[in-house]
Amino acid sequence: MGVLADPLRLTIVKRLLTDSEEYDHTCGWFGFDRPKSSLTHHFRALREAGVIRQRQHGLERRSRVRLEDLNERFPGLVELVLNWQPADGDVL
């Protein structure tokens, strides 16, 4: 799945899997020091690839991993994401 080749996107998915508990989050929750347009691009890529689901909540878009879909389409992928660690040179 090429969309997960980007370390920032992998970080987004991993954090949604490990830190989101039972609710979804806006892109501001992640605390990335990136322009909003850059984050919008990354979230759109994840959404269009079927990795996350987004819902409109007022003026915000909230994201959640499509866990069941990913497990069905790509068995073992979620475990790989959960075990992934950024390389020392990755800037997030």
N, C-alpha and C. Protein backbone atom coordinates (compact mmCIF):
# COMPACT_ATOMS: atom_id res chain seq x y z
N MET A 1 0.85 -1.17 0.00
CA MET A 1 0.00 0.00 0.00
C MET A 1 0.89 1.23 0.00
N GLY A 2 1.01 1.87 -1.15
CA GLY A 2 1.93 2.98 -1.35
C GLY A 2 1.67 4.20 -0.49
N VAL A 3 0.44 4.43 -0.12
CA VAL A 3 0.12 5.62 0.66
C VAL A 3 0.83 5.61 2.01
N LEU A 4 1.17 4.43 2.51
CA LEU A 4 1.85 4.34 3.80
C LEU A 4 3.37 4.37 3.67
N ALA A 5 3.87 4.69 2.49
CA ALA A 5 5.32 4.82 2.31
C ALA A 5 5.85 6.11 2.93
N ASP A 6 4.98 7.04 3.21
CA ASP A 6 5.38 8.32 3.79
C ASP A 6 5.40 8.22 5.32
N PRO A 7 6.52 8.60 5.97
CA PRO A 7 6.61 8.49 7.44
C PRO A 7 5.54 9.29 8.18
N LEU A 8 5.15 10.45 7.65
CA LEU A 8 4.12 11.25 8.33
C LEU A 8 2.78 10.52 8.30
N ARG A 9 2.45 9.92 7.17
CA ARG A 9 1.19 9.19 7.07
C ARG A 9 1.21 7.96 7.97
N LEU A 10 2.34 7.28 8.02
CA LEU A 10 2.46 6.15 8.94
C LEU A 10 2.27 6.59 10.39
N THR A 11 2.83 7.73 10.73
CA THR A 11 2.69 8.26 12.09
C THR A 11 1.23 8.58 12.38
N ILE A 12 0.54 9.18 11.43
CA ILE A 12 -0.88 9.50 11.62
C ILE A 12 -1.67 8.23 11.90
N VAL A 13 -1.48 7.21 11.07
CA VAL A 13 -2.23 5.97 11.24
C VAL A 13 -1.87 5.29 12.55
N LYS A 14 -0.59 5.24 12.87
CA LYS A 14 -0.17 4.61 14.12
C LYS A 14 -0.76 5.32 15.33
N ARG A 15 -0.75 6.64 15.32
CA ARG A 15 -1.31 7.39 16.45
C ARG A 15 -2.82 7.19 16.55
N LEU A 16 -3.50 7.12 15.42
CA LEU A 16 -4.93 6.85 15.46
C LEU A 16 -5.20 5.45 16.03
N LEU A 17 -4.33 4.51 15.72
CA LEU A 17 -4.50 3.15 16.23
C LEU A 17 -4.17 3.03 17.72
N THR A 18 -3.17 3.76 18.18
CA THR A 18 -2.68 3.56 19.55
C THR A 18 -3.17 4.60 20.55
N ASP A 19 -3.39 5.82 20.12
CA ASP A 19 -3.68 6.90 21.06
C ASP A 19 -5.10 7.44 20.99
N SER A 20 -5.90 6.97 20.05
CA SER A 20 -7.20 7.62 19.84
C SER A 20 -8.30 7.09 20.74
N GLU A 21 -8.07 5.98 21.41
CA GLU A 21 -9.07 5.35 22.27
C GLU A 21 -10.33 5.08 21.45
N GLU A 22 -11.49 5.46 21.93
CA GLU A 22 -12.73 5.10 21.24
C GLU A 22 -13.34 6.27 20.45
N TYR A 23 -12.60 7.30 20.18
CA TYR A 23 -13.16 8.43 19.45
C TYR A 23 -12.21 8.86 18.35
N ASP A 24 -12.68 9.74 17.50
CA ASP A 24 -11.88 10.18 16.37
C ASP A 24 -11.33 11.59 16.63
N HIS A 25 -10.37 12.00 15.80
CA HIS A 25 -9.65 13.24 16.06
C HIS A 25 -9.55 14.13 14.83
N THR A 26 -9.38 15.42 15.11
CA THR A 26 -9.09 16.38 14.06
C THR A 26 -7.60 16.38 13.79
N CYS A 27 -7.17 16.97 12.67
CA CYS A 27 -5.74 16.98 12.37
C CYS A 27 -4.96 17.82 13.38
N GLY A 28 -5.61 18.79 14.04
CA GLY A 28 -4.94 19.59 15.06
C GLY A 28 -4.54 18.80 16.29
N TRP A 29 -5.22 17.69 16.57
CA TRP A 29 -4.94 16.85 17.73
C TRP A 29 -3.53 16.27 17.67
N PHE A 30 -3.00 16.05 16.46
CA PHE A 30 -1.70 15.41 16.29
C PHE A 30 -0.54 16.32 16.68
N GLY A 31 -0.73 17.63 16.60
CA GLY A 31 0.31 18.57 17.00
C GLY A 31 1.49 18.67 16.05
N PHE A 32 1.29 18.32 14.77
CA PHE A 32 2.38 18.41 13.79
C PHE A 32 2.65 19.87 13.46
N ASP A 33 3.93 20.19 13.33
CA ASP A 33 4.32 21.55 12.94
C ASP A 33 4.42 21.59 11.41
N ARG A 34 3.28 21.53 10.79
CA ARG A 34 3.17 21.53 9.33
C ARG A 34 2.07 22.49 8.92
N PRO A 35 2.16 23.06 7.72
CA PRO A 35 1.06 23.90 7.24
C PRO A 35 -0.22 23.08 7.09
N LYS A 36 -1.34 23.73 7.29
CA LYS A 36 -2.63 23.05 7.19
C LYS A 36 -2.81 22.41 5.82
N SER A 37 -2.34 23.09 4.77
CA SER A 37 -2.49 22.54 3.42
C SER A 37 -1.72 21.23 3.26
N SER A 38 -0.57 21.12 3.89
CA SER A 38 0.22 19.88 3.84
C SER A 38 -0.52 18.75 4.56
N LEU A 39 -1.05 19.05 5.74
CA LEU A 39 -1.79 18.03 6.48
C LEU A 39 -3.04 17.61 5.74
N THR A 40 -3.73 18.57 5.14
CA THR A 40 -4.92 18.26 4.34
C THR A 40 -4.57 17.28 3.23
N HIS A 41 -3.44 17.51 2.58
CA HIS A 41 -2.99 16.61 1.51
C HIS A 41 -2.78 15.19 2.04
N HIS A 42 -2.11 15.05 3.17
CA HIS A 42 -1.82 13.73 3.72
C HIS A 42 -3.10 13.01 4.18
N PHE A 43 -3.99 13.73 4.83
CA PHE A 43 -5.24 13.12 5.27
C PHE A 43 -6.11 12.73 4.07
N ARG A 44 -6.12 13.54 3.03
CA ARG A 44 -6.88 13.21 1.82
C ARG A 44 -6.31 11.94 1.18
N ALA A 45 -4.99 11.83 1.11
CA ALA A 45 -4.36 10.64 0.52
C ALA A 45 -4.75 9.39 1.31
N LEU A 46 -4.74 9.48 2.63
CA LEU A 46 -5.13 8.33 3.46
C LEU A 46 -6.61 7.99 3.27
N ARG A 47 -7.44 9.02 3.19
CA ARG A 47 -8.88 8.79 3.00
C ARG A 47 -9.16 8.16 1.64
N GLU A 48 -8.55 8.69 0.59
CA GLU A 48 -8.80 8.19 -0.76
C GLU A 48 -8.26 6.77 -0.96
N ALA A 49 -7.25 6.40 -0.19
CA ALA A 49 -6.70 5.04 -0.27
C ALA A 49 -7.52 4.06 0.58
N GLY A 50 -8.48 4.57 1.34
CA GLY A 50 -9.31 3.70 2.16
C GLY A 50 -8.71 3.33 3.49
N VAL A 51 -7.69 4.06 3.93
CA VAL A 51 -7.03 3.75 5.21
C VAL A 51 -7.78 4.38 6.37
N ILE A 52 -8.28 5.59 6.17
CA ILE A 52 -9.03 6.26 7.23
C ILE A 52 -10.42 6.64 6.72
N ARG A 53 -11.29 6.90 7.67
CA ARG A 53 -12.63 7.41 7.39
C ARG A 53 -12.67 8.78 8.05
N GLN A 54 -13.28 9.74 7.39
CA GLN A 54 -13.43 11.06 7.99
C GLN A 54 -14.90 11.43 8.03
N ARG A 55 -15.27 12.12 9.10
CA ARG A 55 -16.63 12.62 9.20
C ARG A 55 -16.58 14.09 9.56
N GLN A 56 -17.56 14.81 9.08
CA GLN A 56 -17.64 16.23 9.36
C GLN A 56 -18.29 16.41 10.73
N HIS A 57 -17.66 17.22 11.58
CA HIS A 57 -18.19 17.52 12.91
C HIS A 57 -18.11 19.04 13.06
N GLY A 58 -19.18 19.73 12.75
CA GLY A 58 -19.15 21.19 12.71
C GLY A 58 -18.23 21.63 11.59
N LEU A 59 -17.22 22.41 11.92
CA LEU A 59 -16.26 22.88 10.93
C LEU A 59 -15.04 21.97 10.81
N GLU A 60 -15.01 20.91 11.60
CA GLU A 60 -13.85 20.03 11.63
C GLU A 60 -14.12 18.72 10.90
N ARG A 61 -13.03 18.13 10.41
CA ARG A 61 -13.09 16.77 9.91
C ARG A 61 -12.39 15.89 10.91
N ARG A 62 -13.05 14.84 11.32
CA ARG A 62 -12.48 13.92 12.31
C ARG A 62 -12.15 12.60 11.65
N SER A 63 -11.03 12.04 12.03
CA SER A 63 -10.50 10.85 11.35
C SER A 63 -10.48 9.64 12.25
N ARG A 64 -10.66 8.50 11.62
CA ARG A 64 -10.59 7.21 12.30
C ARG A 64 -10.07 6.18 11.30
N VAL A 65 -9.25 5.24 11.77
CA VAL A 65 -8.73 4.18 10.90
C VAL A 65 -9.87 3.22 10.56
N ARG A 66 -9.91 2.79 9.32
CA ARG A 66 -10.90 1.81 8.87
C ARG A 66 -10.37 0.41 9.18
N LEU A 67 -10.33 0.10 10.46
CA LEU A 67 -9.67 -1.10 10.97
C LEU A 67 -10.21 -2.39 10.35
N GLU A 68 -11.50 -2.56 10.35
CA GLU A 68 -12.09 -3.79 9.82
C GLU A 68 -11.76 -3.95 8.34
N ASP A 69 -11.89 -2.86 7.59
CA ASP A 69 -11.60 -2.90 6.15
C ASP A 69 -10.14 -3.25 5.88
N LEU A 70 -9.23 -2.63 6.64
CA LEU A 70 -7.81 -2.91 6.44
C LEU A 70 -7.47 -4.36 6.79
N ASN A 71 -8.02 -4.84 7.89
CA ASN A 71 -7.75 -6.23 8.28
C ASN A 71 -8.26 -7.21 7.24
N GLU A 72 -9.38 -6.89 6.63
CA GLU A 72 -9.93 -7.78 5.60
C GLU A 72 -9.13 -7.71 4.30
N ARG A 73 -8.80 -6.49 3.87
CA ARG A 73 -8.11 -6.31 2.59
C ARG A 73 -6.62 -6.63 2.66
N PHE A 74 -5.99 -6.30 3.80
CA PHE A 74 -4.54 -6.44 3.94
C PHE A 74 -4.21 -7.09 5.28
N PRO A 75 -4.43 -8.38 5.41
CA PRO A 75 -4.14 -9.06 6.69
C PRO A 75 -2.68 -8.83 7.11
N GLY A 76 -2.50 -8.45 8.36
CA GLY A 76 -1.16 -8.22 8.90
C GLY A 76 -0.66 -6.79 8.78
N LEU A 77 -1.32 -5.96 7.97
CA LEU A 77 -0.87 -4.58 7.78
C LEU A 77 -0.95 -3.77 9.07
N VAL A 78 -2.03 -3.91 9.80
CA VAL A 78 -2.20 -3.14 11.03
C VAL A 78 -1.08 -3.47 12.02
N GLU A 79 -0.72 -4.72 12.12
CA GLU A 79 0.36 -5.12 13.03
C GLU A 79 1.70 -4.51 12.59
N LEU A 80 1.92 -4.46 11.27
CA LEU A 80 3.15 -3.81 10.77
C LEU A 80 3.18 -2.34 11.13
N VAL A 81 2.06 -1.67 10.98
CA VAL A 81 1.99 -0.24 11.33
C VAL A 81 2.24 -0.05 12.82
N LEU A 82 1.62 -0.88 13.63
CA LEU A 82 1.79 -0.76 15.09
C LEU A 82 3.24 -1.00 15.52
N ASN A 83 3.96 -1.85 14.81
CA ASN A 83 5.36 -2.15 15.15
C ASN A 83 6.37 -1.21 14.51
N TRP A 84 5.92 -0.36 13.60
CA TRP A 84 6.82 0.56 12.89
C TRP A 84 7.37 1.63 13.83
N GLN A 85 8.65 1.93 13.66
CA GLN A 85 9.31 3.02 14.38
C GLN A 85 9.96 3.93 13.36
N PRO A 86 9.81 5.24 13.51
CA PRO A 86 10.44 6.16 12.55
C PRO A 86 11.96 6.04 12.60
N ALA A 87 12.58 6.17 11.44
CA ALA A 87 14.05 6.19 11.38
C ALA A 87 14.55 7.49 12.00
N ASP A 88 15.80 7.50 12.41
CA ASP A 88 16.37 8.69 13.06
C ASP A 88 16.27 9.92 12.19
N GLY A 89 16.37 9.78 10.89
CA GLY A 89 16.35 10.93 10.00
C GLY A 89 14.95 11.39 9.60
N ASP A 90 13.91 10.65 9.97
CA ASP A 90 12.55 11.04 9.60
C ASP A 90 12.13 12.28 10.36
N VAL A 91 11.69 13.30 9.63
CA VAL A 91 11.21 14.55 10.22
C VAL A 91 9.71 14.51 10.20
N LEU A 92 9.11 14.55 11.39
CA LEU A 92 7.65 14.47 11.47
C LEU A 92 7.04 15.73 11.99
